Amino acid sequence: MNALALALVLAALPARPALPPAIRAFLAHPQATFHRQRVPRGFRMIVLSNLAQGCAETKNAGCLDRLVAIALSPGVRPWKGAAPVKLGRDNLLYTHLLFVLAEHERVAKDRLHAALIDRLANHLATAILRDPRRNAPSYASSSQRWPADVSAMLAALALVDRIRGTHLHDAPAREWFDWLDHHATDRATGLPYSEVTGSTATSRLPRGCALSWSVRYLASFDLPAARDLWRRYRARYRVDFGPFAGLREWPPGVDRRGDADSGPILMGVGSAATAFGIGAARAVGDLTTAGELARTEDGGAGLAHLARGSLARAADGIVAQSVLFAVEHTPVPR
């Protein structure tokens, strides 16, 4: 891509302030925002993780200071009491707390939480390696296993490795890729199943929200694998509507209703798949597709509202705002 084309693509991405008003308001009154918007406890740490990614990319240490304080506060931290006595199976919450703490250490050069970072990272690496499917559980309350969540776990470990010069994510990533390739990949498309225990009617269906999420995180520790997954995914799930583009939630030929993961679905296009897809496209350097998806997200048509409503009914809700803030600040490989 030449310099002029790159400039045109970047210009197509929506221009937003470093900290939009809704995010500034949230940082001032986080618990009240969570309560008023009825943000489930399981989503709260993910909100903070998304915001931490954006604040880290903009080198906003003050924002990261505040996010750490919120993440370790009652009602958000994934344990009872001020410090964890024992870590359990709520690995997705540990993952996103690890992102918040590690991004803070990376930008602020503050090792105040170094011991907790090490404890969380070692716990996650061990949880992946000890699981027979190499897919650690996301929540203590569920026996299901989602590869997209493990991609985030591995990305958090890789972030710690980059900060510390360690190799904690290497063995879990290698064994996870190998298990998926042999046991949980759709042979016709080369796309991973959305869930690997086979316990639901949709377990073996590669889902757009999971694929967009996975590409975004994979790119941070295995860019060639992320680009290969993105190429396969985009070829089958992309839908064009004139100047707009979207990504399907379900495979072509499969039409199902949306759920809490997909957000609303319109004409097969998933809101979460499309919104996360902006970050996925940026993460693998596909700025053309990122710009096309961003026009869908930022335009005035029904599809735009659909994408902006990712994981929340209201586009101005903190869940949706955190997703958009993260994907718009996803670093582009050089």
C-alpha atoms as a PDB file:
ATOM      1  CA  MET A   1       0.000   0.000   0.000  1.00  0.00           C
ATOM      2  CA  ASN A   2       1.523   3.348  -1.009  1.00  0.00           C
ATOM      3  CA  ALA A   3       1.625   6.376   1.274  1.00  0.00           C
ATOM      4  CA  LEU A   4      -1.314   8.127  -0.404  1.00  0.00           C
ATOM      5  CA  ALA A   5      -3.537   5.071  -0.147  1.00  0.00           C
ATOM      6  CA  LEU A   6      -2.561   4.608   3.491  1.00  0.00           C
ATOM      7  CA  ALA A   7      -3.422   8.223   4.257  1.00  0.00           C
ATOM      8  CA  LEU A   8      -6.833   7.884   2.589  1.00  0.00           C
ATOM      9  CA  VAL A   9      -7.639   4.744   4.562  1.00  0.00           C
ATOM     10  CA  LEU A  10      -6.630   6.315   7.867  1.00  0.00           C
ATOM     11  CA  ALA A  11      -8.734   9.362   7.015  1.00  0.00           C
ATOM     12  CA  ALA A  12     -11.759   7.084   6.665  1.00  0.00           C
ATOM     13  CA  LEU A  13     -11.480   6.006  10.302  1.00  0.00           C
ATOM     14  CA  PRO A  14     -13.697   8.059  12.601  1.00  0.00           C
ATOM     15  CA  ALA A  15     -11.954  10.956  14.304  1.00  0.00           C
ATOM     16  CA  ARG A  16     -12.589  10.887  18.060  1.00  0.00           C
ATOM     17  CA  PRO A  17     -10.996  12.668  21.019  1.00  0.00           C
ATOM     18  CA  ALA A  18      -8.348  10.754  22.981  1.00  0.00           C
ATOM     19  CA  LEU A  19     -10.866  10.268  25.785  1.00  0.00           C
ATOM     20  CA  PRO A  20     -14.471  10.664  24.616  1.00  0.00           C
ATOM     21  CA  PRO A  21     -16.872  12.345  27.064  1.00  0.00           C
ATOM     22  CA  ALA A  22     -18.613   9.067  27.937  1.00  0.00           C
ATOM     23  CA  ILE A  23     -15.295   7.513  28.962  1.00  0.00           C
ATOM     24  CA  ARG A  24     -14.231  10.565  30.981  1.00  0.00           C
ATOM     25  CA  ALA A  25     -17.573  10.422  32.787  1.00  0.00           C
ATOM     26  CA  PHE A  26     -17.113   6.733  33.466  1.00  0.00           C
ATOM     27  CA  LEU A  27     -13.623   7.220  34.923  1.00  0.00           C
ATOM     28  CA  ALA A  28     -15.045   9.817  37.306  1.00  0.00           C
ATOM     29  CA  HIS A  29     -17.951   7.633  38.472  1.00  0.00           C
ATOM     30  CA  PRO A  30     -17.300   3.994  37.485  1.00  0.00           C
ATOM     31  CA  GLN A  31     -19.496   2.182  40.018  1.00  0.00           C
ATOM     32  CA  ALA A  32     -22.427   4.483  39.369  1.00  0.00           C
ATOM     33  CA  THR A  33     -22.032   3.941  35.608  1.00  0.00           C
ATOM     34  CA  PHE A  34     -21.891   0.164  35.976  1.00  0.00           C
ATOM     35  CA  HIS A  35     -24.990   0.226  38.185  1.00  0.00           C
ATOM     36  CA  ARG A  36     -26.994   2.665  36.056  1.00  0.00           C
ATOM     37  CA  GLN A  37     -26.216   0.847  32.808  1.00  0.00           C
ATOM     38  CA  ARG A  38     -26.668  -2.595  34.410  1.00  0.00           C
ATOM     39  CA  VAL A  39     -23.278  -3.811  33.225  1.00  0.00           C
ATOM     40  CA  PRO A  40     -22.919  -7.464  34.294  1.00  0.00           C
ATOM     41  CA  ARG A  41     -20.053  -8.116  36.659  1.00  0.00           C
ATOM     42  CA  GLY A  42     -18.445 -10.431  34.098  1.00  0.00           C
ATOM     43  CA  PHE A  43     -18.246  -7.565  31.587  1.00  0.00           C
ATOM     44  CA  ARG A  44     -16.794  -4.963  33.944  1.00  0.00           C
ATOM     45  CA  MET A  45     -13.195  -6.130  33.791  1.00  0.00           C
ATOM     46  CA  ILE A  46     -13.443  -6.455  29.995  1.00  0.00           C
ATOM     47  CA  VAL A  47     -14.532  -2.800  29.832  1.00  0.00           C
ATOM     48  CA  LEU A  48     -11.440  -1.822  31.834  1.00  0.00           C
ATOM     49  CA  SER A  49      -9.192  -3.991  29.669  1.00  0.00           C
ATOM     50  CA  ASN A  50     -10.487  -2.373  26.481  1.00  0.00           C
ATOM     51  CA  LEU A  51      -9.938   1.083  27.931  1.00  0.00           C
ATOM     52  CA  ALA A  52      -6.456   0.109  29.125  1.00  0.00           C
ATOM     53  CA  GLN A  53      -5.468  -0.888  25.606  1.00  0.00           C
ATOM     54  CA  GLY A  54      -6.505   2.484  24.231  1.00  0.00           C
ATOM     55  CA  CYS A  55      -4.949   4.453  27.086  1.00  0.00           C
ATOM     56  CA  ALA A  56      -1.692   2.506  26.740  1.00  0.00           C
ATOM     57  CA  GLU A  57      -1.478   3.213  23.021  1.00  0.00           C
ATOM     58  CA  THR A  58      -2.004   6.930  23.702  1.00  0.00           C
ATOM     59  CA  LYS A  59       0.534   6.822  26.596  1.00  0.00           C
ATOM     60  CA  ASN A  60      -2.078   8.118  29.022  1.00  0.00           C
ATOM     61  CA  ALA A  61      -0.547   7.054  32.353  1.00  0.00           C
ATOM     62  CA  GLY A  62      -3.139   8.968  34.365  1.00  0.00           C
ATOM     63  CA  CYS A  63      -5.938   7.023  32.710  1.00  0.00           C
ATOM     64  CA  LEU A  64      -4.128   3.757  33.451  1.00  0.00           C
ATOM     65  CA  ASP A  65      -3.640   4.762  37.114  1.00  0.00           C
ATOM     66  CA  ARG A  66      -7.396   5.223  37.390  1.00  0.00           C
ATOM     67  CA  LEU A  67      -8.194   1.961  35.592  1.00  0.00           C
ATOM     68  CA  VAL A  68      -5.962  -0.007  37.980  1.00  0.00           C
ATOM     69  CA  ALA A  69      -7.748   1.536  40.966  1.00  0.00           C
ATOM     70  CA  ILE A  70     -11.146   0.635  39.504  1.00  0.00           C
ATOM     71  CA  ALA A  71     -10.047  -2.899  38.570  1.00  0.00           C
ATOM     72  CA  LEU A  72      -8.917  -3.630  42.145  1.00  0.00           C
ATOM     73  CA  SER A  73     -11.988  -2.097  43.773  1.00  0.00           C
ATOM     74  CA  PRO A  74     -14.891  -4.013  45.376  1.00  0.00           C
ATOM     75  CA  GLY A  75     -17.522  -5.075  42.874  1.00  0.00           C
ATOM     76  CA  VAL A  76     -14.962  -5.358  40.081  1.00  0.00           C
ATOM     77  CA  ARG A  77     -11.972  -7.378  41.299  1.00  0.00           C
ATOM     78  CA  PRO A  78     -12.424 -11.117  40.672  1.00  0.00           C
ATOM     79  CA  TRP A  79     -12.069 -12.210  44.305  1.00  0.00           C
ATOM     80  CA  LYS A  80     -13.371 -11.391  47.761  1.00  0.00           C
ATOM     81  CA  GLY A  81     -11.250  -9.261  50.015  1.00  0.00           C
ATOM     82  CA  ALA A  82      -8.427  -6.896  49.207  1.00  0.00           C
ATOM     83  CA  ALA A  83      -6.089  -9.598  47.872  1.00  0.00           C
ATOM     84  CA  PRO A  84      -6.664 -13.051  46.363  1.00  0.00           C
ATOM     85  CA  VAL A  85      -6.203 -15.935  48.787  1.00  0.00           C
ATOM     86  CA  LYS A  86      -6.512 -18.498  46.021  1.00  0.00           C
ATOM     87  CA  LEU A  87      -7.064 -18.109  42.287  1.00  0.00           C
ATOM     88  CA  GLY A  88      -9.814 -20.271  40.842  1.00  0.00           C
ATOM     89  CA  ARG A  89     -11.330 -20.808  37.387  1.00  0.00           C
ATOM     90  CA  ASP A  90     -12.449 -17.259  36.557  1.00  0.00           C
ATOM     91  CA  ASN A  91      -9.642 -17.077  34.038  1.00  0.00           C
ATOM     92  CA  LEU A  92     -11.224 -14.568  31.673  1.00  0.00           C
ATOM     93  CA  LEU A  93     -11.529 -12.055  34.515  1.00  0.00           C
ATOM     94  CA  TYR A  94      -7.924 -12.736  35.545  1.00  0.00           C
ATOM     95  CA  THR A  95      -6.891 -12.252  31.910  1.00  0.00           C
ATOM     96  CA  HIS A  96      -8.405  -8.817  31.570  1.00  0.00           C
ATOM     97  CA  LEU A  97      -7.160  -7.723  34.977  1.00  0.00           C
ATOM     98  CA  LEU A  98      -3.710  -8.823  33.817  1.00  0.00           C
ATOM     99  CA  PHE A  99      -4.069  -6.611  30.728  1.00  0.00           C
ATOM    100  CA  VAL A 100      -4.922  -3.603  32.912  1.00  0.00           C
ATOM    101  CA  LEU A 101      -2.015  -4.181  35.313  1.00  0.00           C
ATOM    102  CA  ALA A 102       0.537  -5.033  32.627  1.00  0.00           C
ATOM    103  CA  GLU A 103      -0.359  -2.075  30.399  1.00  0.00           C
ATOM    104  CA  HIS A 104      -0.028   0.178  33.436  1.00  0.00           C
ATOM    105  CA  GLU A 105       3.412  -1.241  34.242  1.00  0.00           C
ATOM    106  CA  ARG A 106       4.486  -0.919  30.590  1.00  0.00           C
ATOM    107  CA  VAL A 107       3.499   2.736  30.255  1.00  0.00           C
ATOM    108  CA  ALA A 108       3.911   4.109  33.774  1.00  0.00           C
ATOM    109  CA  LYS A 109       7.092   2.087  34.496  1.00  0.00           C
ATOM    110  CA  ASP A 110       5.522   1.339  37.871  1.00  0.00           C
ATOM    111  CA  ARG A 111       6.186  -2.117  39.359  1.00  0.00           C
ATOM    112  CA  LEU A 112       3.843  -1.660  42.325  1.00  0.00           C
ATOM    113  CA  HIS A 113       1.748  -4.636  41.162  1.00  0.00           C
ATOM    114  CA  ALA A 114       4.592  -6.764  39.785  1.00  0.00           C
ATOM    115  CA  ALA A 115       3.980  -9.637  42.215  1.00  0.00           C
ATOM    116  CA  LEU A 116       0.275  -9.812  41.317  1.00  0.00           C
ATOM    117  CA  ILE A 117       1.112  -9.665  37.601  1.00  0.00           C
ATOM    118  CA  ASP A 118       3.485 -12.606  37.996  1.00  0.00           C
ATOM    119  CA  ARG A 119       0.924 -14.576  40.000  1.00  0.00           C
ATOM    120  CA  LEU A 120      -1.851 -14.027  37.459  1.00  0.00           C
ATOM    121  CA  ALA A 121       0.409 -14.818  34.500  1.00  0.00           C
ATOM    122  CA  ASN A 122       1.735 -18.048  35.986  1.00  0.00           C
ATOM    123  CA  HIS A 123      -1.777 -19.119  36.939  1.00  0.00           C
ATOM    124  CA  LEU A 124      -3.081 -18.591  33.385  1.00  0.00           C
ATOM    125  CA  ALA A 125      -0.160 -20.378  31.739  1.00  0.00           C
ATOM    126  CA  THR A 126      -0.614 -23.339  34.074  1.00  0.00           C
ATOM    127  CA  ALA A 127      -4.398 -23.397  33.563  1.00  0.00           C
ATOM    128  CA  ILE A 128      -3.967 -23.693  29.781  1.00  0.00           C
ATOM    129  CA  LEU A 129      -1.294 -26.383  29.954  1.00  0.00           C
ATOM    130  CA  ARG A 130      -3.164 -28.485  32.517  1.00  0.00           C
ATOM    131  CA  ASP A 131      -6.451 -28.487  30.633  1.00  0.00           C
ATOM    132  CA  PRO A 132      -6.809 -31.674  28.506  1.00  0.00           C
ATOM    133  CA  ARG A 133      -8.054 -29.540  25.588  1.00  0.00           C
ATOM    134  CA  ARG A 134      -5.483 -26.792  26.204  1.00  0.00           C
ATOM    135  CA  ASN A 135      -8.458 -24.434  26.483  1.00  0.00           C
ATOM    136  CA  ALA A 136      -8.633 -23.197  30.063  1.00  0.00           C
ATOM    137  CA  PRO A 137     -12.094 -22.432  31.461  1.00  0.00           C
ATOM    138  CA  SER A 138     -13.241 -18.848  31.225  1.00  0.00           C
ATOM    139  CA  TYR A 139     -15.523 -18.886  34.263  1.00  0.00           C
ATOM    140  CA  ALA A 140     -15.842 -20.967  37.412  1.00  0.00           C
ATOM    141  CA  SER A 141     -19.556 -21.357  36.707  1.00  0.00           C
ATOM    142  CA  SER A 142     -19.203 -22.908  33.239  1.00  0.00           C
ATOM    143  CA  SER A 143     -17.673 -26.120  31.883  1.00  0.00           C
ATOM    144  CA  GLN A 144     -17.608 -24.792  28.319  1.00  0.00           C
ATOM    145  CA  ARG A 145     -14.356 -23.821  26.605  1.00  0.00           C
ATOM    146  CA  TRP A 146     -14.051 -20.944  24.130  1.00  0.00           C
ATOM    147  CA  PRO A 147     -10.876 -20.643  22.005  1.00  0.00           C
ATOM    148  CA  ALA A 148     -11.478 -16.924  21.537  1.00  0.00           C
ATOM    149  CA  ASP A 149     -11.086 -16.421  25.282  1.00  0.00           C
ATOM    150  CA  VAL A 150      -7.862 -18.419  25.281  1.00  0.00           C
ATOM    151  CA  SER A 151      -6.500 -16.190  22.503  1.00  0.00           C
ATOM    152  CA  ALA A 152      -6.935 -13.279  24.932  1.00  0.00           C
ATOM    153  CA  MET A 153      -5.245 -15.250  27.731  1.00  0.00           C
ATOM    154  CA  LEU A 154      -2.257 -15.923  25.492  1.00  0.00           C
ATOM    155  CA  ALA A 155      -2.105 -12.287  24.380  1.00  0.00           C
ATOM    156  CA  ALA A 156      -2.018 -11.166  28.017  1.00  0.00           C
ATOM    157  CA  LEU A 157       0.817 -13.621  28.710  1.00  0.00           C
ATOM    158  CA  ALA A 158       2.672 -12.390  25.623  1.00  0.00           C
ATOM    159  CA  LEU A 159       2.327  -8.799  26.865  1.00  0.00           C
ATOM    160  CA  VAL A 160       3.936  -9.783  30.164  1.00  0.00           C
ATOM    161  CA  ASP A 161       6.690 -11.596  28.234  1.00  0.00           C
ATOM    162  CA  ARG A 162       7.437  -8.451  26.222  1.00  0.00           C
ATOM    163  CA  ILE A 163       7.681  -6.384  29.386  1.00  0.00           C
ATOM    164  CA  ARG A 164       9.770  -8.902  31.332  1.00  0.00           C
ATOM    165  CA  GLY A 165      11.779 -10.557  28.552  1.00  0.00           C
ATOM    166  CA  THR A 166      10.320 -13.955  29.475  1.00  0.00           C
ATOM    167  CA  HIS A 167       8.760 -16.736  27.383  1.00  0.00           C
ATOM    168  CA  LEU A 168       5.762 -17.695  29.473  1.00  0.00           C
ATOM    169  CA  HIS A 169       3.282 -17.815  26.591  1.00  0.00           C
ATOM    170  CA  ASP A 170       5.416 -19.976  24.266  1.00  0.00           C
ATOM    171  CA  ALA A 171       4.497 -23.498  25.448  1.00  0.00           C
ATOM    172  CA  PRO A 172       0.781 -22.773  26.083  1.00  0.00           C
ATOM    173  CA  ALA A 173       0.444 -21.148  22.645  1.00  0.00           C
ATOM    174  CA  ARG A 174       2.215 -24.012  20.870  1.00  0.00           C
ATOM    175  CA  GLU A 175       0.079 -26.689  22.535  1.00  0.00           C
ATOM    176  CA  TRP A 176      -3.135 -24.688  22.096  1.00  0.00           C
ATOM    177  CA  PHE A 177      -2.557 -24.253  18.346  1.00  0.00           C
ATOM    178  CA  ASP A 178      -1.751 -27.943  17.987  1.00  0.00           C
ATOM    179  CA  TRP A 179      -4.867 -29.094  19.843  1.00  0.00           C
ATOM    180  CA  LEU A 180      -7.159 -26.779  17.863  1.00  0.00           C
ATOM    181  CA  ASP A 181      -5.649 -27.919  14.569  1.00  0.00           C
ATOM    182  CA  HIS A 182      -6.244 -31.575  15.346  1.00  0.00           C
ATOM    183  CA  HIS A 183      -9.531 -31.442  17.247  1.00  0.00           C
ATOM    184  CA  ALA A 184     -11.474 -28.191  16.827  1.00  0.00           C
ATOM    185  CA  THR A 185     -11.054 -26.819  13.314  1.00  0.00           C
ATOM    186  CA  ASP A 186     -13.669 -26.920  10.572  1.00  0.00           C
ATOM    187  CA  ARG A 187     -11.913 -28.804   7.777  1.00  0.00           C
ATOM    188  CA  ALA A 188     -13.872 -27.137   4.982  1.00  0.00           C
ATOM    189  CA  THR A 189     -12.939 -23.593   6.001  1.00  0.00           C
ATOM    190  CA  GLY A 190      -9.893 -23.904   8.260  1.00  0.00           C
ATOM    191  CA  LEU A 191     -11.750 -21.866  10.897  1.00  0.00           C
ATOM    192  CA  PRO A 192     -11.798 -22.881  14.583  1.00  0.00           C
ATOM    193  CA  TYR A 193     -14.955 -23.988  16.334  1.00  0.00           C
ATOM    194  CA  SER A 194     -16.477 -21.347  18.577  1.00  0.00           C
ATOM    195  CA  GLU A 195     -16.638 -23.790  21.532  1.00  0.00           C
ATOM    196  CA  VAL A 196     -14.685 -27.030  21.932  1.00  0.00           C
ATOM    197  CA  THR A 197     -16.662 -29.266  24.304  1.00  0.00           C
ATOM    198  CA  GLY A 198     -19.519 -29.689  21.815  1.00  0.00           C
ATOM    199  CA  SER A 199     -22.039 -28.959  24.558  1.00  0.00           C
ATOM    200  CA  THR A 200     -24.191 -26.519  22.562  1.00  0.00           C
ATOM    201  CA  ALA A 201     -25.962 -26.598  19.211  1.00  0.00           C
ATOM    202  CA  THR A 202     -23.584 -23.943  17.885  1.00  0.00           C
ATOM    203  CA  SER A 203     -20.289 -25.242  19.326  1.00  0.00           C
ATOM    204  CA  ARG A 204     -18.959 -26.391  15.956  1.00  0.00           C
ATOM    205  CA  LEU A 205     -20.003 -23.230  14.125  1.00  0.00           C
ATOM    206  CA  PRO A 206     -17.209 -20.671  13.660  1.00  0.00           C
ATOM    207  CA  ARG A 207     -18.790 -17.422  14.885  1.00  0.00           C
ATOM    208  CA  GLY A 208     -17.956 -13.968  13.635  1.00  0.00           C
ATOM    209  CA  CYS A 209     -17.713 -12.346  17.064  1.00  0.00           C
ATOM    210  CA  ALA A 210     -15.262 -15.032  18.195  1.00  0.00           C
ATOM    211  CA  LEU A 211     -13.212 -14.870  14.999  1.00  0.00           C
ATOM    212  CA  SER A 212     -12.882 -11.073  15.090  1.00  0.00           C
ATOM    213  CA  TRP A 213     -11.948 -11.228  18.771  1.00  0.00           C
ATOM    214  CA  SER A 214      -9.403 -14.005  18.128  1.00  0.00           C
ATOM    215  CA  VAL A 215      -7.681 -12.244  15.224  1.00  0.00           C
ATOM    216  CA  ARG A 216      -7.329  -9.066  17.265  1.00  0.00           C
ATOM    217  CA  TYR A 217      -5.554 -10.905  20.093  1.00  0.00           C
ATOM    218  CA  LEU A 218      -3.627 -13.422  17.973  1.00  0.00           C
ATOM    219  CA  ALA A 219      -1.947 -10.609  16.091  1.00  0.00           C
ATOM    220  CA  SER A 220      -0.179  -9.488  19.254  1.00  0.00           C
ATOM    221  CA  PHE A 221       1.777 -12.750  19.609  1.00  0.00           C
ATOM    222  CA  ASP A 222       1.574 -14.589  16.255  1.00  0.00           C
ATOM    223  CA  LEU A 223       1.002 -12.177  13.382  1.00  0.00           C
ATOM    224  CA  PRO A 224       1.323 -14.788  10.563  1.00  0.00           C
ATOM    225  CA  ALA A 225      -1.325 -17.006  12.222  1.00  0.00           C
ATOM    226  CA  ALA A 226      -3.588 -13.997  12.723  1.00  0.00           C
ATOM    227  CA  ARG A 227      -3.248 -12.939   9.092  1.00  0.00           C
ATOM    228  CA  ASP A 228      -4.018 -16.456   7.867  1.00  0.00           C
ATOM    229  CA  LEU A 229      -7.117 -16.670  10.089  1.00  0.00           C
ATOM    230  CA  TRP A 230      -8.238 -13.191   8.995  1.00  0.00           C
ATOM    231  CA  ARG A 231      -7.861 -14.090   5.310  1.00  0.00           C
ATOM    232  CA  ARG A 232     -10.005 -17.223   5.679  1.00  0.00           C
ATOM    233  CA  TYR A 233     -12.561 -15.456   7.835  1.00  0.00           C
ATOM    234  CA  ARG A 234     -12.882 -12.327   5.714  1.00  0.00           C
ATOM    235  CA  ALA A 235     -13.271 -14.334   2.495  1.00  0.00           C
ATOM    236  CA  ARG A 236     -16.334 -16.171   3.816  1.00  0.00           C
ATOM    237  CA  TYR A 237     -17.980 -13.781   6.256  1.00  0.00           C
ATOM    238  CA  ARG A 238     -17.643 -10.363   4.647  1.00  0.00           C
ATOM    239  CA  VAL A 239     -20.873  -8.769   3.390  1.00  0.00           C
ATOM    240  CA  ASP A 240     -20.897  -5.637   1.203  1.00  0.00           C
ATOM    241  CA  PHE A 241     -23.682  -3.050   1.108  1.00  0.00           C
ATOM    242  CA  GLY A 242     -22.521  -0.385  -1.345  1.00  0.00           C
ATOM    243  CA  PRO A 243     -20.053   1.831   0.535  1.00  0.00           C
ATOM    244  CA  PHE A 244     -20.571  -0.155   3.738  1.00  0.00           C
ATOM    245  CA  ALA A 245     -19.166  -3.535   4.732  1.00  0.00           C
ATOM    246  CA  GLY A 246     -19.961  -5.880   7.579  1.00  0.00           C
ATOM    247  CA  LEU A 247     -19.017  -9.286   8.921  1.00  0.00           C
ATOM    248  CA  ARG A 248     -21.458 -12.132   9.399  1.00  0.00           C
ATOM    249  CA  GLU A 249     -22.034 -13.633  12.821  1.00  0.00           C
ATOM    250  CA  TRP A 250     -22.945 -17.089  11.522  1.00  0.00           C
ATOM    251  CA  PRO A 251     -21.437 -18.993   8.574  1.00  0.00           C
ATOM    252  CA  PRO A 252     -22.985 -18.387   5.135  1.00  0.00           C
ATOM    253  CA  GLY A 253     -26.149 -20.449   4.848  1.00  0.00           C
ATOM    254  CA  VAL A 254     -26.755 -20.400   8.609  1.00  0.00           C
ATOM    255  CA  ASP A 255     -29.205 -17.868  10.017  1.00  0.00           C
ATOM    256  CA  ARG A 256     -29.766 -17.721  13.746  1.00  0.00           C
ATOM    257  CA  ARG A 257     -30.807 -15.065  16.208  1.00  0.00           C
ATOM    258  CA  GLY A 258     -28.320 -12.899  18.023  1.00  0.00           C
ATOM    259  CA  ASP A 259     -27.333 -13.389  21.644  1.00  0.00           C
ATOM    260  CA  ALA A 260     -25.329 -11.626  24.354  1.00  0.00           C
ATOM    261  CA  ASP A 261     -22.074 -12.383  22.528  1.00  0.00           C
ATOM    262  CA  SER A 262     -23.115 -11.418  19.003  1.00  0.00           C
ATOM    263  CA  GLY A 263     -25.197  -8.360  19.773  1.00  0.00           C
ATOM    264  CA  PRO A 264     -27.967  -7.553  17.262  1.00  0.00           C
ATOM    265  CA  ILE A 265     -27.803  -9.178  13.817  1.00  0.00           C
ATOM    266  CA  LEU A 266     -29.170  -7.448  10.711  1.00  0.00           C
ATOM    267  CA  MET A 267     -29.272  -9.212   7.344  1.00  0.00           C
ATOM    268  CA  GLY A 268     -26.759 -11.713   8.684  1.00  0.00           C
ATOM    269  CA  VAL A 269     -24.273  -9.020   9.772  1.00  0.00           C
ATOM    270  CA  GLY A 270     -23.275  -9.231  13.410  1.00  0.00           C
ATOM    271  CA  SER A 271     -22.726  -6.084  15.441  1.00  0.00           C
ATOM    272  CA  ALA A 272     -19.951  -7.545  17.609  1.00  0.00           C
ATOM    273  CA  ALA A 273     -18.291  -9.278  14.647  1.00  0.00           C
ATOM    274  CA  THR A 274     -18.218  -5.993  12.730  1.00  0.00           C
ATOM    275  CA  ALA A 275     -17.146  -3.745  15.613  1.00  0.00           C
ATOM    276  CA  PHE A 276     -14.409  -6.141  16.766  1.00  0.00           C
ATOM    277  CA  GLY A 277     -13.557  -6.621  13.098  1.00  0.00           C
ATOM    278  CA  ILE A 278     -12.262  -3.043  12.892  1.00  0.00           C
ATOM    279  CA  GLY A 279      -9.640  -3.879  15.504  1.00  0.00           C
ATOM    280  CA  ALA A 280      -8.931  -7.253  13.900  1.00  0.00           C
ATOM    281  CA  ALA A 281      -8.341  -5.664  10.507  1.00  0.00           C
ATOM    282  CA  ARG A 282      -6.052  -3.011  11.974  1.00  0.00           C
ATOM    283  CA  ALA A 283      -4.149  -5.614  13.975  1.00  0.00           C
ATOM    284  CA  VAL A 284      -3.176  -7.533  10.830  1.00  0.00           C
ATOM    285  CA  GLY A 285      -2.505  -4.395   8.759  1.00  0.00           C
ATOM    286  CA  ASP A 286      -5.628  -4.617   6.568  1.00  0.00           C
ATOM    287  CA  LEU A 287      -6.385  -0.908   6.715  1.00  0.00           C
ATOM    288  CA  THR A 288      -8.624  -1.013   3.647  1.00  0.00           C
ATOM    289  CA  THR A 289     -11.092  -3.346   5.354  1.00  0.00           C
ATOM    290  CA  ALA A 290     -10.695  -1.483   8.648  1.00  0.00           C
ATOM    291  CA  GLY A 291     -11.765   1.720   6.909  1.00  0.00           C
ATOM    292  CA  GLU A 292     -14.740   0.036   5.229  1.00  0.00           C
ATOM    293  CA  LEU A 293     -15.942  -1.468   8.498  1.00  0.00           C
ATOM    294  CA  ALA A 294     -15.381   1.839  10.283  1.00  0.00           C
ATOM    295  CA  ARG A 295     -17.625   3.617   7.763  1.00  0.00           C
ATOM    296  CA  THR A 296     -20.323   1.106   8.631  1.00  0.00           C
ATOM    297  CA  GLU A 297     -19.713   1.739  12.323  1.00  0.00           C
ATOM    298  CA  ASP A 298     -19.631   5.530  12.022  1.00  0.00           C
ATOM    299  CA  GLY A 299     -22.168   6.222   9.264  1.00  0.00           C
ATOM    300  CA  GLY A 300     -25.786   7.211   9.583  1.00  0.00           C
ATOM    301  CA  ALA A 301     -27.466   4.084   8.226  1.00  0.00           C
ATOM    302  CA  GLY A 302     -29.060   1.276  10.186  1.00  0.00           C
ATOM    303  CA  LEU A 303     -25.924  -0.838   9.873  1.00  0.00           C
ATOM    304  CA  ALA A 304     -23.914   1.898  11.568  1.00  0.00           C
ATOM    305  CA  HIS A 305     -26.134   1.906  14.620  1.00  0.00           C
ATOM    306  CA  LEU A 306     -25.991  -1.873  14.639  1.00  0.00           C
ATOM    307  CA  ALA A 307     -22.192  -1.921  14.790  1.00  0.00           C
ATOM    308  CA  ARG A 308     -22.013   0.862  17.347  1.00  0.00           C
ATOM    309  CA  GLY A 309     -24.386  -1.118  19.525  1.00  0.00           C
ATOM    310  CA  SER A 310     -21.872  -3.967  19.929  1.00  0.00           C
ATOM    311  CA  LEU A 311     -22.435  -5.799  23.223  1.00  0.00           C
ATOM    312  CA  ALA A 312     -24.815  -3.109  24.414  1.00  0.00           C
ATOM    313  CA  ARG A 313     -28.178  -1.778  23.315  1.00  0.00           C
ATOM    314  CA  ALA A 314     -27.131   1.855  23.581  1.00  0.00           C
ATOM    315  CA  ALA A 315     -24.229   3.069  21.457  1.00  0.00           C
ATOM    316  CA  ASP A 316     -23.278   5.504  24.212  1.00  0.00           C
ATOM    317  CA  GLY A 317     -23.079   2.760  26.859  1.00  0.00           C
ATOM    318  CA  ILE A 318     -19.696   2.201  28.435  1.00  0.00           C
ATOM    319  CA  VAL A 319     -19.422  -1.369  27.083  1.00  0.00           C
ATOM    320  CA  ALA A 320     -19.836  -0.221  23.494  1.00  0.00           C
ATOM    321  CA  GLN A 321     -17.676   2.850  24.059  1.00  0.00           C
ATOM    322  CA  SER A 322     -14.863   0.735  25.496  1.00  0.00           C
ATOM    323  CA  VAL A 323     -14.974  -1.633  22.508  1.00  0.00           C
ATOM    324  CA  LEU A 324     -14.800   1.241  20.041  1.00  0.00           C
ATOM    325  CA  PHE A 325     -12.016   2.952  21.994  1.00  0.00           C
ATOM    326  CA  ALA A 326      -9.975  -0.254  21.945  1.00  0.00           C
ATOM    327  CA  VAL A 327     -10.449  -1.114  18.290  1.00  0.00           C
ATOM    328  CA  GLU A 328      -9.749   2.440  17.141  1.00  0.00           C
ATOM    329  CA  HIS A 329      -6.442   2.354  19.046  1.00  0.00           C
ATOM    330  CA  THR A 330      -5.425  -1.141  17.983  1.00  0.00           C
ATOM    331  CA  PRO A 331      -1.817  -0.795  16.807  1.00  0.00           C
ATOM    332  CA  VAL A 332      -1.103  -1.437  13.133  1.00  0.00           C
ATOM    333  CA  PRO A 333       1.931  -3.651  12.366  1.00  0.00           C
ATOM    334  CA  ARG A 334       4.755  -1.835  10.639  1.00  0.00           C
END
